[in-house]
PDB file of N, CA and C in Angstrom:
ATOM      1  N   MET A   1      -5.615  31.434 -17.865  1.00  0.00           N
ATOM      2  CA  MET A   1      -5.493  30.130 -17.262  1.00  0.00           C
ATOM      3  C   MET A   1      -6.700  29.301 -17.673  1.00  0.00           C
ATOM      4  N   ALA A   2      -6.472  28.109 -18.187  1.00  0.00           N
ATOM      5  CA  ALA A   2      -7.559  27.275 -18.696  1.00  0.00           C
ATOM      6  C   ALA A   2      -8.264  26.564 -17.545  1.00  0.00           C
ATOM      7  N   ASP A   3      -9.532  26.324 -17.746  1.00  0.00           N
ATOM      8  CA  ASP A   3     -10.340  25.598 -16.772  1.00  0.00           C
ATOM      9  C   ASP A   3      -9.944  24.120 -16.832  1.00  0.00           C
ATOM     10  N   ARG A   4      -9.448  23.577 -15.701  1.00  0.00           N
ATOM     11  CA  ARG A   4      -8.943  22.204 -15.681  1.00  0.00           C
ATOM     12  C   ARG A   4     -10.029  21.177 -16.014  1.00  0.00           C
ATOM     13  N   SER A   5     -11.229  21.403 -15.569  1.00  0.00           N
ATOM     14  CA  SER A   5     -12.291  20.427 -15.800  1.00  0.00           C
ATOM     15  C   SER A   5     -12.675  20.341 -17.277  1.00  0.00           C
ATOM     16  N   ARG A   6     -12.345  21.389 -18.060  1.00  0.00           N
ATOM     17  CA  ARG A   6     -12.706  21.385 -19.481  1.00  0.00           C
ATOM     18  C   ARG A   6     -11.500  21.206 -20.389  1.00  0.00           C
ATOM     19  N   ASP A   7     -10.329  21.095 -19.811  1.00  0.00           N
ATOM     20  CA  ASP A   7      -9.117  20.904 -20.602  1.00  0.00           C
ATOM     21  C   ASP A   7      -9.088  19.468 -21.120  1.00  0.00           C
ATOM     22  N   PRO A   8      -9.186  19.246 -22.446  1.00  0.00           N
ATOM     23  CA  PRO A   8      -9.264  17.889 -22.996  1.00  0.00           C
ATOM     24  C   PRO A   8      -8.016  17.043 -22.684  1.00  0.00           C
ATOM     25  N   ASP A   9      -6.841  17.647 -22.722  1.00  0.00           N
ATOM     26  CA  ASP A   9      -5.617  16.887 -22.440  1.00  0.00           C
ATOM     27  C   ASP A   9      -5.591  16.398 -20.993  1.00  0.00           C
ATOM     28  N   ALA A  10      -5.961  17.280 -20.077  1.00  0.00           N
ATOM     29  CA  ALA A  10      -5.984  16.891 -18.660  1.00  0.00           C
ATOM     30  C   ALA A  10      -7.041  15.818 -18.420  1.00  0.00           C
ATOM     31  N   LEU A  11      -8.158  15.954 -19.078  1.00  0.00           N
ATOM     32  CA  LEU A  11      -9.232  14.967 -18.932  1.00  0.00           C
ATOM     33  C   LEU A  11      -8.794  13.608 -19.488  1.00  0.00           C
ATOM     34  N   GLU A  12      -8.110  13.596 -20.600  1.00  0.00           N
ATOM     35  CA  GLU A  12      -7.609  12.343 -21.167  1.00  0.00           C
ATOM     36  C   GLU A  12      -6.585  11.685 -20.251  1.00  0.00           C
ATOM     37  N   ARG A  13      -5.682  12.487 -19.683  1.00  0.00           N
ATOM     38  CA  ARG A  13      -4.684  11.938 -18.755  1.00  0.00           C
ATOM     39  C   ARG A  13      -5.369  11.339 -17.522  1.00  0.00           C
ATOM     40  N   ARG A  14      -6.376  12.022 -17.034  1.00  0.00           N
ATOM     41  CA  ARG A  14      -7.112  11.542 -15.857  1.00  0.00           C
ATOM     42  C   ARG A  14      -7.849  10.228 -16.183  1.00  0.00           C
ATOM     43  N   ILE A  15      -8.465  10.159 -17.345  1.00  0.00           N
ATOM     44  CA  ILE A  15      -9.167   8.943 -17.756  1.00  0.00           C
ATOM     45  C   ILE A  15      -8.180   7.790 -17.910  1.00  0.00           C
ATOM     46  N   GLU A  16      -7.045   8.054 -18.528  1.00  0.00           N
ATOM     47  CA  GLU A  16      -6.035   7.004 -18.723  1.00  0.00           C
ATOM     48  C   GLU A  16      -5.489   6.512 -17.383  1.00  0.00           C
ATOM     49  N   ARG A  17      -5.213   7.432 -16.459  1.00  0.00           N
ATOM     50  CA  ARG A  17      -4.725   7.048 -15.130  1.00  0.00           C
ATOM     51  C   ARG A  17      -5.764   6.178 -14.405  1.00  0.00           C
ATOM     52  N   THR A  18      -7.036   6.581 -14.489  1.00  0.00           N
ATOM     53  CA  THR A  18      -8.112   5.809 -13.860  1.00  0.00           C
ATOM     54  C   THR A  18      -8.243   4.435 -14.501  1.00  0.00           C
ATOM     55  N   ARG A  19      -8.108   4.381 -15.819  1.00  0.00           N
ATOM     56  CA  ARG A  19      -8.186   3.111 -16.540  1.00  0.00           C
ATOM     57  C   ARG A  19      -7.058   2.171 -16.113  1.00  0.00           C
ATOM     58  N   LEU A  20      -5.845   2.685 -15.967  1.00  0.00           N
ATOM     59  CA  LEU A  20      -4.713   1.868 -15.531  1.00  0.00           C
ATOM     60  C   LEU A  20      -4.914   1.356 -14.100  1.00  0.00           C
ATOM     61  N   GLU A  21      -5.410   2.232 -13.215  1.00  0.00           N
ATOM     62  CA  GLU A  21      -5.673   1.822 -11.833  1.00  0.00           C
ATOM     63  C   GLU A  21      -6.743   0.726 -11.791  1.00  0.00           C
ATOM     64  N   LEU A  22      -7.765   0.874 -12.591  1.00  0.00           N
ATOM     65  CA  LEU A  22      -8.832  -0.125 -12.648  1.00  0.00           C
ATOM     66  C   LEU A  22      -8.303  -1.457 -13.185  1.00  0.00           C
ATOM     67  N   ALA A  23      -7.486  -1.403 -14.219  1.00  0.00           N
ATOM     68  CA  ALA A  23      -6.908  -2.631 -14.777  1.00  0.00           C
ATOM     69  C   ALA A  23      -6.028  -3.332 -13.744  1.00  0.00           C
ATOM     70  N   GLN A  24      -5.263  -2.566 -12.986  1.00  0.00           N
ATOM     71  CA  GLN A  24      -4.406  -3.152 -11.952  1.00  0.00           C
ATOM     72  C   GLN A  24      -5.256  -3.794 -10.852  1.00  0.00           C
ATOM     73  N   THR A  25      -6.331  -3.140 -10.450  1.00  0.00           N
ATOM     74  CA  THR A  25      -7.223  -3.686  -9.427  1.00  0.00           C
ATOM     75  C   THR A  25      -7.877  -4.984  -9.903  1.00  0.00           C
ATOM     76  N   ILE A  26      -8.309  -5.007 -11.149  1.00  0.00           N
ATOM     77  CA  ILE A  26      -8.928  -6.218 -11.701  1.00  0.00           C
ATOM     78  C   ILE A  26      -7.917  -7.359 -11.754  1.00  0.00           C
ATOM     79  N   ASP A  27      -6.674  -7.068 -12.140  1.00  0.00           N
ATOM     80  CA  ASP A  27      -5.634  -8.103 -12.172  1.00  0.00           C
ATOM     81  C   ASP A  27      -5.375  -8.662 -10.774  1.00  0.00           C
ATOM     82  N   GLU A  28      -5.332  -7.799  -9.774  1.00  0.00           N
ATOM     83  CA  GLU A  28      -5.106  -8.245  -8.401  1.00  0.00           C
ATOM     84  C   GLU A  28      -6.257  -9.126  -7.921  1.00  0.00           C
ATOM     85  N   LEU A  29      -7.494  -8.737  -8.232  1.00  0.00           N
ATOM     86  CA  LEU A  29      -8.652  -9.538  -7.838  1.00  0.00           C
ATOM     87  C   LEU A  29      -8.640 -10.901  -8.545  1.00  0.00           C
ATOM     88  N   ALA A  30      -8.319 -10.905  -9.812  1.00  0.00           N
ATOM     89  CA  ALA A  30      -8.265 -12.167 -10.562  1.00  0.00           C
ATOM     90  C   ALA A  30      -7.193 -13.086  -9.976  1.00  0.00           C
ATOM     91  N   GLU A  31      -6.084 -12.520  -9.559  1.00  0.00           N
ATOM     92  CA  GLU A  31      -5.004 -13.306  -8.947  1.00  0.00           C
ATOM     93  C   GLU A  31      -5.458 -13.910  -7.615  1.00  0.00           C
ATOM     94  N   ARG A  32      -6.192 -13.143  -6.840  1.00  0.00           N
ATOM     95  CA  ARG A  32      -6.674 -13.627  -5.533  1.00  0.00           C
ATOM     96  C   ARG A  32      -7.679 -14.756  -5.653  1.00  0.00           C
ATOM     97  N   VAL A  33      -8.552 -14.706  -6.623  1.00  0.00           N
ATOM     98  CA  VAL A  33      -9.626 -15.698  -6.729  1.00  0.00           C
ATOM     99  C   VAL A  33      -9.310 -16.821  -7.707  1.00  0.00           C
ATOM    100  N   SER A  34      -8.130 -16.824  -8.252  1.00  0.00           N
ATOM    101  CA  SER A  34      -7.723 -17.898  -9.153  1.00  0.00           C
ATOM    102  C   SER A  34      -7.802 -19.231  -8.408  1.00  0.00           C
ATOM    103  N   PRO A  35      -8.473 -20.234  -8.978  1.00  0.00           N
ATOM    104  CA  PRO A  35      -8.598 -21.525  -8.292  1.00  0.00           C
ATOM    105  C   PRO A  35      -7.247 -22.126  -7.896  1.00  0.00           C
ATOM    106  N   ARG A  36      -6.262 -21.991  -8.750  1.00  0.00           N
ATOM    107  CA  ARG A  36      -4.932 -22.523  -8.430  1.00  0.00           C
ATOM    108  C   ARG A  36      -4.353 -21.835  -7.194  1.00  0.00           C
ATOM    109  N   ASN A  37      -4.480 -20.514  -7.130  1.00  0.00           N
ATOM    110  CA  ASN A  37      -3.934 -19.783  -5.991  1.00  0.00           C
ATOM    111  C   ASN A  37      -4.714 -20.059  -4.714  1.00  0.00           C
ATOM    112  N   VAL A  38      -6.032 -20.174  -4.823  1.00  0.00           N
ATOM    113  CA  VAL A  38      -6.853 -20.492  -3.656  1.00  0.00           C
ATOM    114  C   VAL A  38      -6.459 -21.869  -3.125  1.00  0.00           C
ATOM    115  N   ALA A  39      -6.304 -22.837  -4.013  1.00  0.00           N
ATOM    116  CA  ALA A  39      -5.913 -24.189  -3.599  1.00  0.00           C
ATOM    117  C   ALA A  39      -4.521 -24.192  -2.984  1.00  0.00           C
ATOM    118  N   GLN A  40      -3.624 -23.415  -3.557  1.00  0.00           N
ATOM    119  CA  GLN A  40      -2.264 -23.360  -3.040  1.00  0.00           C
ATOM    120  C   GLN A  40      -2.241 -22.754  -1.636  1.00  0.00           C
ATOM    121  N   ARG A  41      -3.014 -21.683  -1.431  1.00  0.00           N
ATOM    122  CA  ARG A  41      -3.085 -21.089  -0.089  1.00  0.00           C
ATOM    123  C   ARG A  41      -3.689 -22.071   0.904  1.00  0.00           C
ATOM    124  N   GLY A  42      -4.720 -22.802   0.479  1.00  0.00           N
ATOM    125  CA  GLY A  42      -5.334 -23.796   1.358  1.00  0.00           C
ATOM    126  C   GLY A  42      -4.359 -24.904   1.722  1.00  0.00           C
ATOM    127  N   ALA A  43      -3.589 -25.362   0.745  1.00  0.00           N
ATOM    128  CA  ALA A  43      -2.607 -26.416   1.005  1.00  0.00           C
ATOM    129  C   ALA A  43      -1.520 -25.925   1.954  1.00  0.00           C
ATOM    130  N   GLU A  44      -1.073 -24.696   1.769  1.00  0.00           N
ATOM    131  CA  GLU A  44      -0.051 -24.137   2.660  1.00  0.00           C
ATOM    132  C   GLU A  44      -0.592 -24.014   4.080  1.00  0.00           C
ATOM    133  N   ARG A  45      -1.844 -23.571   4.199  1.00  0.00           N
ATOM    134  CA  ARG A  45      -2.457 -23.443   5.524  1.00  0.00           C
ATOM    135  C   ARG A  45      -2.588 -24.818   6.184  1.00  0.00           C
ATOM    136  N   LEU A  46      -2.963 -25.816   5.401  1.00  0.00           N
ATOM    137  CA  LEU A  46      -3.101 -27.177   5.919  1.00  0.00           C
ATOM    138  C   LEU A  46      -1.748 -27.727   6.366  1.00  0.00           C
ATOM    139  N   LYS A  47      -0.704 -27.475   5.585  1.00  0.00           N
ATOM    140  CA  LYS A  47       0.637 -27.920   5.971  1.00  0.00           C
ATOM    141  C   LYS A  47       1.072 -27.257   7.270  1.00  0.00           C
ATOM    142  N   ASP A  48       0.816 -25.963   7.402  1.00  0.00           N
ATOM    143  CA  ASP A  48       1.173 -25.252   8.623  1.00  0.00           C
ATOM    144  C   ASP A  48       0.449 -25.834   9.833  1.00  0.00           C
ATOM    145  N   GLU A  49      -0.853 -26.067   9.678  1.00  0.00           N
ATOM    146  CA  GLU A  49      -1.632 -26.611  10.785  1.00  0.00           C
ATOM    147  C   GLU A  49      -1.181 -28.025  11.121  1.00  0.00           C
ATOM    148  N   ALA A  50      -0.890 -28.833  10.108  1.00  0.00           N
ATOM    149  CA  ALA A  50      -0.408 -30.197  10.358  1.00  0.00           C
ATOM    150  C   ALA A  50       0.937 -30.163  11.077  1.00  0.00           C
ATOM    151  N   GLY A  51       1.788 -29.231  10.706  1.00  0.00           N
ATOM    152  CA  GLY A  51       3.077 -29.085  11.387  1.00  0.00           C
ATOM    153  C   GLY A  51       2.902 -28.706  12.843  1.00  0.00           C
ATOM    154  N   GLN A  52       1.941 -27.822  13.122  1.00  0.00           N
ATOM    155  CA  GLN A  52       1.677 -27.431  14.496  1.00  0.00           C
ATOM    156  C   GLN A  52       1.130 -28.604  15.304  1.00  0.00           C
ATOM    157  N   VAL A  53       0.235 -29.378  14.684  1.00  0.00           N
ATOM    158  CA  VAL A  53      -0.308 -30.556  15.370  1.00  0.00           C
ATOM    159  C   VAL A  53       0.813 -31.556  15.630  1.00  0.00           C
ATOM    160  N   ALA A  54       1.666 -31.768  14.647  1.00  0.00           N
ATOM    161  CA  ALA A  54       2.771 -32.716  14.811  1.00  0.00           C
ATOM    162  C   ALA A  54       3.702 -32.266  15.938  1.00  0.00           C
ATOM    163  N   LYS A  55       3.978 -30.977  16.028  1.00  0.00           N
ATOM    164  CA  LYS A  55       4.818 -30.464  17.112  1.00  0.00           C
ATOM    165  C   LYS A  55       4.151 -30.671  18.467  1.00  0.00           C
ATOM    166  N   ALA A  56       2.848 -30.401  18.521  1.00  0.00           N
ATOM    167  CA  ALA A  56       2.126 -30.562  19.783  1.00  0.00           C
ATOM    168  C   ALA A  56       2.113 -32.023  20.211  1.00  0.00           C
ATOM    169  N   VAL A  57       1.859 -32.917  19.265  1.00  0.00           N
ATOM    170  CA  VAL A  57       1.850 -34.348  19.591  1.00  0.00           C
ATOM    171  C   VAL A  57       3.259 -34.799  19.949  1.00  0.00           C
ATOM    172  N   GLY A  58       4.236 -34.333  19.237  1.00  0.00           N
ATOM    173  CA  GLY A  58       5.626 -34.683  19.534  1.00  0.00           C
ATOM    174  C   GLY A  58       6.038 -34.233  20.924  1.00  0.00           C
ATOM    175  N   ALA A  59       5.505 -33.094  21.368  1.00  0.00           N
ATOM    176  CA  ALA A  59       5.817 -32.612  22.706  1.00  0.00           C
ATOM    177  C   ALA A  59       5.140 -33.484  23.766  1.00  0.00           C
ATOM    178  N   MET A  60       4.009 -34.090  23.424  1.00  0.00           N
ATOM    179  CA  MET A  60       3.289 -34.925  24.391  1.00  0.00           C
ATOM    180  C   MET A  60       3.890 -36.322  24.474  1.00  0.00           C
ATOM    181  N   VAL A  61       4.532 -36.787  23.423  1.00  0.00           N
ATOM    182  CA  VAL A  61       5.089 -38.138  23.393  1.00  0.00           C
ATOM    183  C   VAL A  61       6.544 -38.065  23.830  1.00  0.00           C
ATOM    184  N   PRO A  62       6.884 -38.763  24.921  1.00  0.00           N
ATOM    185  CA  PRO A  62       8.286 -38.716  25.383  1.00  0.00           C
ATOM    186  C   PRO A  62       9.189 -39.489  24.427  1.00  0.00           C
ATOM    187  N   ARG A  63      10.365 -38.980  24.232  1.00  0.00           N
ATOM    188  CA  ARG A  63      11.337 -39.658  23.385  1.00  0.00           C
ATOM    189  C   ARG A  63      12.179 -40.569  24.271  1.00  0.00           C
ATOM    190  N   SER A  64      12.444 -41.766  23.790  1.00  0.00           N
ATOM    191  CA  SER A  64      13.277 -42.666  24.572  1.00  0.00           C
ATOM    192  C   SER A  64      14.726 -42.226  24.442  1.00  0.00           C
ATOM    193  N   SER A  65      15.525 -42.560  25.428  1.00  0.00           N
ATOM    194  CA  SER A  65      16.913 -42.098  25.437  1.00  0.00           C
ATOM    195  C   SER A  65      17.789 -42.837  24.437  1.00  0.00           C
ATOM    196  N   ASP A  66      17.309 -43.997  23.928  1.00  0.00           N
ATOM    197  CA  ASP A  66      18.125 -44.716  22.944  1.00  0.00           C
ATOM    198  C   ASP A  66      17.919 -44.194  21.532  1.00  0.00           C
ATOM    199  N   GLY A  67      16.997 -43.252  21.356  1.00  0.00           N
ATOM    200  CA  GLY A  67      16.824 -42.575  20.078  1.00  0.00           C
ATOM    201  C   GLY A  67      15.999 -43.336  19.066  1.00  0.00           C
ATOM    202  N   GLY A  68      15.700 -44.609  19.293  1.00  0.00           N
ATOM    203  CA  GLY A  68      14.976 -45.380  18.307  1.00  0.00           C
ATOM    204  C   GLY A  68      13.541 -45.637  18.678  1.00  0.00           C
ATOM    205  N   GLY A  69      13.133 -45.230  19.872  1.00  0.00           N
ATOM    206  CA  GLY A  69      11.768 -45.461  20.293  1.00  0.00           C
ATOM    207  C   GLY A  69      11.511 -46.918  20.603  1.00  0.00           C
ATOM    208  N   LYS A  70      12.584 -47.689  20.841  1.00  0.00           N
ATOM    209  CA  LYS A  70      12.440 -49.116  21.093  1.00  0.00           C
ATOM    210  C   LYS A  70      12.286 -49.369  22.586  1.00  0.00           C
ATOM    211  N   HIS A  71      11.792 -50.537  22.917  1.00  0.00           N
ATOM    212  CA  HIS A  71      11.566 -50.937  24.294  1.00  0.00           C
ATOM    213  C   HIS A  71      12.895 -51.156  25.004  1.00  0.00           C
ATOM    214  N   ARG A  72      12.981 -50.619  26.221  1.00  0.00           N
ATOM    215  CA  ARG A  72      14.159 -50.858  27.053  1.00  0.00           C
ATOM    216  C   ARG A  72      13.702 -51.570  28.307  1.00  0.00           C
ATOM    217  N   ALA A  73      14.334 -52.643  28.629  1.00  0.00           N
ATOM    218  CA  ALA A  73      13.914 -53.464  29.767  1.00  0.00           C
ATOM    219  C   ALA A  73      14.098 -52.736  31.084  1.00  0.00           C
ATOM    220  N   ASP A  74      15.087 -51.843  31.195  1.00  0.00           N
ATOM    221  CA  ASP A  74      15.340 -51.177  32.468  1.00  0.00           C
ATOM    222  C   ASP A  74      14.590 -49.857  32.620  1.00  0.00           C
ATOM    223  N   ASP A  75      13.742 -49.487  31.667  1.00  0.00           N
ATOM    224  CA  ASP A  75      12.977 -48.232  31.720  1.00  0.00           C
ATOM    225  C   ASP A  75      11.639 -48.486  32.406  1.00  0.00           C
ATOM    226  N   PRO A  76      11.402 -47.881  33.597  1.00  0.00           N
ATOM    227  CA  PRO A  76      10.147 -48.118  34.298  1.00  0.00           C
ATOM    228  C   PRO A  76       8.930 -47.603  33.541  1.00  0.00           C
ATOM    229  N   ASP A  77       9.078 -46.642  32.663  1.00  0.00           N
ATOM    230  CA  ASP A  77       7.945 -46.122  31.895  1.00  0.00           C
ATOM    231  C   ASP A  77       7.514 -47.085  30.797  1.00  0.00           C
ATOM    232  N   ASP A  78       8.371 -48.057  30.478  1.00  0.00           N
ATOM    233  CA  ASP A  78       8.044 -49.011  29.424  1.00  0.00           C
ATOM    234  C   ASP A  78       7.213 -50.182  29.927  1.00  0.00           C
ATOM    235  N   ALA A  79       6.909 -50.204  31.182  1.00  0.00           N
ATOM    236  CA  ALA A  79       6.104 -51.289  31.733  1.00  0.00           C
ATOM    237  C   ALA A  79       4.714 -51.242  31.124  1.00  0.00           C
ATOM    238  N   GLU A  80       3.953 -52.321  31.274  1.00  0.00           N
ATOM    239  CA  GLU A  80       2.596 -52.377  30.732  1.00  0.00           C
ATOM    240  C   GLU A  80       1.821 -51.145  31.168  1.00  0.00           C
ATOM    241  N   GLY A  81       1.185 -50.483  30.234  1.00  0.00           N
ATOM    242  CA  GLY A  81       0.390 -49.298  30.532  1.00  0.00           C
ATOM    243  C   GLY A  81       1.186 -48.009  30.503  1.00  0.00           C
ATOM    244  N   GLY A  82       2.524 -48.082  30.401  1.00  0.00           N
ATOM    245  CA  GLY A  82       3.337 -46.870  30.339  1.00  0.00           C
ATOM    246  C   GLY A  82       3.337 -46.308  28.932  1.00  0.00           C
ATOM    247  N   ARG A  83       3.736 -45.036  28.795  1.00  0.00           N
ATOM    248  CA  ARG A  83       3.746 -44.406  27.477  1.00  0.00           C
ATOM    249  C   ARG A  83       5.105 -44.489  26.819  1.00  0.00           C
ATOM    250  N   GLY A  84       6.096 -44.981  27.529  1.00  0.00           N
ATOM    251  CA  GLY A  84       7.452 -44.960  26.999  1.00  0.00           C
ATOM    252  C   GLY A  84       7.639 -45.816  25.760  1.00  0.00           C
ATOM    253  N   GLY A  85       6.783 -46.821  25.500  1.00  0.00           N
ATOM    254  CA  GLY A  85       6.946 -47.703  24.371  1.00  0.00           C
ATOM    255  C   GLY A  85       6.340 -47.176  23.088  1.00  0.00           C
ATOM    256  N   VAL A  86       5.734 -45.995  23.119  1.00  0.00           N
ATOM    257  CA  VAL A  86       5.085 -45.440  21.933  1.00  0.00           C
ATOM    258  C   VAL A  86       6.145 -44.840  21.023  1.00  0.00           C
ATOM    259  N   ASP A  87       6.146 -45.280  19.791  1.00  0.00           N
ATOM    260  CA  ASP A  87       7.088 -44.754  18.812  1.00  0.00           C
ATOM    261  C   ASP A  87       6.529 -43.442  18.254  1.00  0.00           C
ATOM    262  N   PRO A  88       7.243 -42.340  18.419  1.00  0.00           N
ATOM    263  CA  PRO A  88       6.734 -41.038  17.942  1.00  0.00           C
ATOM    264  C   PRO A  88       6.437 -41.029  16.444  1.00  0.00           C
ATOM    265  N   ARG A  89       7.147 -41.830  15.687  1.00  0.00           N
ATOM    266  CA  ARG A  89       6.897 -41.873  14.244  1.00  0.00           C
ATOM    267  C   ARG A  89       5.510 -42.429  13.940  1.00  0.00           C
ATOM    268  N   LEU A  90       5.078 -43.403  14.749  1.00  0.00           N
ATOM    269  CA  LEU A  90       3.739 -43.953  14.560  1.00  0.00           C
ATOM    270  C   LEU A  90       2.670 -42.917  14.904  1.00  0.00           C
ATOM    271  N   VAL A  91       2.916 -42.167  15.968  1.00  0.00           N
ATOM    272  CA  VAL A  91       1.961 -41.129  16.363  1.00  0.00           C
ATOM    273  C   VAL A  91       1.870 -40.067  15.270  1.00  0.00           C
ATOM    274  N   LEU A  92       3.012 -39.652  14.762  1.00  0.00           N
ATOM    275  CA  LEU A  92       3.008 -38.634  13.699  1.00  0.00           C
ATOM    276  C   LEU A  92       2.349 -39.166  12.430  1.00  0.00           C
ATOM    277  N   ALA A  93       2.548 -40.452  12.134  1.00  0.00           N
ATOM    278  CA  ALA A  93       1.887 -41.035  10.963  1.00  0.00           C
ATOM    279  C   ALA A  93       0.373 -41.044  11.158  1.00  0.00           C
ATOM    280  N   GLY A  94      -0.070 -41.340  12.366  1.00  0.00           N
ATOM    281  CA  GLY A  94      -1.508 -41.312  12.668  1.00  0.00           C
ATOM    282  C   GLY A  94      -2.081 -39.915  12.548  1.00  0.00           C
ATOM    283  N   VAL A  95      -1.344 -38.941  13.059  1.00  0.00           N
ATOM    284  CA  VAL A  95      -1.798 -37.553  12.956  1.00  0.00           C
ATOM    285  C   VAL A  95      -1.843 -37.128  11.494  1.00  0.00           C
ATOM    286  N   GLY A  96      -0.837 -37.518  10.733  1.00  0.00           N
ATOM    287  CA  GLY A  96      -0.827 -37.184   9.306  1.00  0.00           C
ATOM    288  C   GLY A  96      -2.011 -37.792   8.572  1.00  0.00           C
ATOM    289  N   ALA A  97      -2.324 -39.032   8.897  1.00  0.00           N
ATOM    290  CA  ALA A  97      -3.474 -39.677   8.265  1.00  0.00           C
ATOM    291  C   ALA A  97      -4.773 -38.975   8.644  1.00  0.00           C
ATOM    292  N   ALA A  98      -4.893 -38.588   9.913  1.00  0.00           N
ATOM    293  CA  ALA A  98      -6.102 -37.879  10.355  1.00  0.00           C
ATOM    294  C   ALA A  98      -6.241 -36.541   9.647  1.00  0.00           C
ATOM    295  N   VAL A  99      -5.144 -35.828   9.489  1.00  0.00           N
ATOM    296  CA  VAL A  99      -5.174 -34.532   8.797  1.00  0.00           C
ATOM    297  C   VAL A  99      -5.554 -34.732   7.334  1.00  0.00           C
ATOM    298  N   ALA A 100      -5.007 -35.765   6.704  1.00  0.00           N
ATOM    299  CA  ALA A 100      -5.317 -36.024   5.295  1.00  0.00           C
ATOM    300  C   ALA A 100      -6.792 -36.367   5.110  1.00  0.00           C
ATOM    301  N   VAL A 101      -7.331 -37.197   5.994  1.00  0.00           N
ATOM    302  CA  VAL A 101      -8.749 -37.565   5.894  1.00  0.00           C
ATOM    303  C   VAL A 101      -9.620 -36.339   6.122  1.00  0.00           C
ATOM    304  N   THR A 102      -9.273 -35.517   7.117  1.00  0.00           N
ATOM    305  CA  THR A 102     -10.044 -34.301   7.387  1.00  0.00           C
ATOM    306  C   THR A 102     -10.006 -33.366   6.187  1.00  0.00           C
ATOM    307  N   ALA A 103      -8.839 -33.204   5.592  1.00  0.00           N
ATOM    308  CA  ALA A 103      -8.718 -32.333   4.416  1.00  0.00           C
ATOM    309  C   ALA A 103      -9.568 -32.859   3.270  1.00  0.00           C
ATOM    310  N   LEU A 104      -9.579 -34.162   3.079  1.00  0.00           N
ATOM    311  CA  LEU A 104     -10.373 -34.762   2.009  1.00  0.00           C
ATOM    312  C   LEU A 104     -11.863 -34.529   2.244  1.00  0.00           C
ATOM    313  N   VAL A 105     -12.315 -34.702   3.467  1.00  0.00           N
ATOM    314  CA  VAL A 105     -13.736 -34.483   3.786  1.00  0.00           C
ATOM    315  C   VAL A 105     -14.112 -33.029   3.551  1.00  0.00           C
ATOM    316  N   VAL A 106     -13.288 -32.095   4.015  1.00  0.00           N
ATOM    317  CA  VAL A 106     -13.578 -30.663   3.831  1.00  0.00           C
ATOM    318  C   VAL A 106     -13.595 -30.324   2.352  1.00  0.00           C
ATOM    319  N   TRP A 107     -12.651 -30.842   1.602  1.00  0.00           N
ATOM    320  CA  TRP A 107     -12.573 -30.548   0.168  1.00  0.00           C
ATOM    321  C   TRP A 107     -13.808 -31.062  -0.559  1.00  0.00           C
ATOM    322  N   ARG A 108     -14.231 -32.286  -0.222  1.00  0.00           N
ATOM    323  CA  ARG A 108     -15.416 -32.852  -0.893  1.00  0.00           C
ATOM    324  C   ARG A 108     -16.677 -32.077  -0.543  1.00  0.00           C
ATOM    325  N   ARG A 109     -16.797 -31.631   0.696  1.00  0.00           N
ATOM    326  CA  ARG A 109     -17.985 -30.861   1.088  1.00  0.00           C
ATOM    327  C   ARG A 109     -18.034 -29.527   0.359  1.00  0.00           C
ATOM    328  N   ARG A 110     -16.892 -28.868   0.256  1.00  0.00           N
ATOM    329  CA  ARG A 110     -16.876 -27.580  -0.448  1.00  0.00           C
ATOM    330  C   ARG A 110     -17.141 -27.757  -1.937  1.00  0.00           C
ATOM    331  N   ARG A 111     -16.690 -28.854  -2.486  1.00  0.00           N
ATOM    332  CA  ARG A 111     -16.872 -29.114  -3.915  1.00  0.00           C
ATOM    333  C   ARG A 111     -18.352 -29.359  -4.247  1.00  0.00           C
ATOM    334  N   ARG A 112     -19.090 -29.933  -3.325  1.00  0.00           N
ATOM    335  CA  ARG A 112     -20.504 -30.228  -3.554  1.00  0.00           C
ATOM    336  C   ARG A 112     -21.366 -28.972  -3.536  1.00  0.00           C
ATOM    337  N   ARG A 113     -20.903 -27.947  -2.876  1.00  0.00           N
ATOM    338  CA  ARG A 113     -21.708 -26.718  -2.760  1.00  0.00           C
ATOM    339  C   ARG A 113     -21.798 -25.996  -4.037  1.00  0.00           C
TER     340      ARG A 113
END
């Protein structure tokens, strides 16, 4: 029975297997740190967070029963100081603008480092 540690064929197979594993690990690391992939993950995370903020704001803003967010004379919540006259689309546009500005500020700060 041959000594496995000194068998050249077994040693070559072991080296080749290790080399393939190392190449696969390097490819995975390169994929993770690729600027395109990092940016894509950041954009997806930002979209998810913006969607959550939009849902939260949408839950806080009451929807009018006429579906258009327009003023109704017989709605007591539409009186001066009431929240019923707020158009949810305007609120969502404001939230979207705030998220975009925040993303731009964060991106510029990271770029300067």
